[in-house]
Amino acid sequence: MKYSLESNIDENIEKNWNTEAKKCRNEIRNHTVEPISGEIALTQIRQILEK
């Protein structure tokens, strides 16, 4: 998807993005974190911002 949005991606940004994506993937695979749906995440963020 990122390639369809931007054709001139800075190599450093792309490298950092790939590193972060792999880190997140590994955290899910290793059960370090538990993924949640976008809907739940947005609900939680809204609740935090309302405080």
Protein backbone atom coordinates (compact mmCIF):
# COMPACT_ATOMS: atom_id res chain seq x y z
CA MET A 1 0.00 0.00 0.00
CA LYS A 2 2.76 2.47 0.83
CA TYR A 3 4.16 2.11 -2.68
CA SER A 4 0.83 3.02 -4.23
CA LEU A 5 0.68 6.21 -2.16
CA GLU A 6 4.19 7.51 -2.74
CA SER A 7 6.62 6.68 -5.52
CA ASN A 8 9.59 8.74 -4.27
CA ILE A 9 10.09 7.30 -0.81
CA ASP A 10 13.22 8.32 1.05
CA GLU A 11 15.36 5.19 1.51
CA ASN A 12 16.05 5.99 5.17
CA ILE A 13 12.34 6.41 5.92
CA GLU A 14 11.55 3.17 4.10
CA LYS A 15 14.26 1.32 6.04
CA ASN A 16 12.94 2.66 9.36
CA TRP A 17 9.36 1.79 8.38
CA ASN A 18 10.36 -1.78 7.48
CA THR A 19 12.30 -2.16 10.73
CA GLU A 20 9.30 -0.98 12.77
CA ALA A 21 6.89 -3.22 10.84
CA LYS A 22 9.10 -6.27 11.45
CA LYS A 23 9.39 -5.37 15.15
CA CYS A 24 5.60 -5.19 15.45
CA ARG A 25 5.21 -8.47 13.55
CA ASN A 26 7.68 -10.20 15.87
CA GLU A 27 5.99 -8.82 18.99
CA ILE A 28 2.68 -10.29 17.80
CA ARG A 29 4.27 -13.63 16.88
CA ASN A 30 6.06 -13.85 20.24
CA HIS A 31 2.90 -12.85 22.13
CA THR A 32 4.72 -9.84 23.59
CA VAL A 33 1.73 -7.73 22.58
CA GLU A 34 -1.85 -8.57 21.73
CA PRO A 35 -3.26 -6.95 18.61
CA ILE A 36 -6.59 -5.17 18.86
CA SER A 37 -8.94 -3.93 16.17
CA GLY A 38 -8.71 -0.39 14.89
CA GLU A 39 -12.19 0.29 16.24
CA ILE A 40 -11.17 -0.67 19.77
CA ALA A 41 -7.95 1.34 19.50
CA LEU A 42 -9.81 4.47 18.41
CA THR A 43 -12.33 4.05 21.23
CA GLN A 44 -9.50 3.81 23.77
CA ILE A 45 -7.73 6.85 22.31
CA ARG A 46 -10.94 8.90 22.42
CA GLN A 47 -11.47 7.95 26.07
CA ILE A 48 -7.93 9.04 26.95
CA LEU A 49 -8.32 12.36 25.13
CA GLU A 50 -11.62 13.11 26.87
CA LYS A 51 -9.98 13.04 30.32
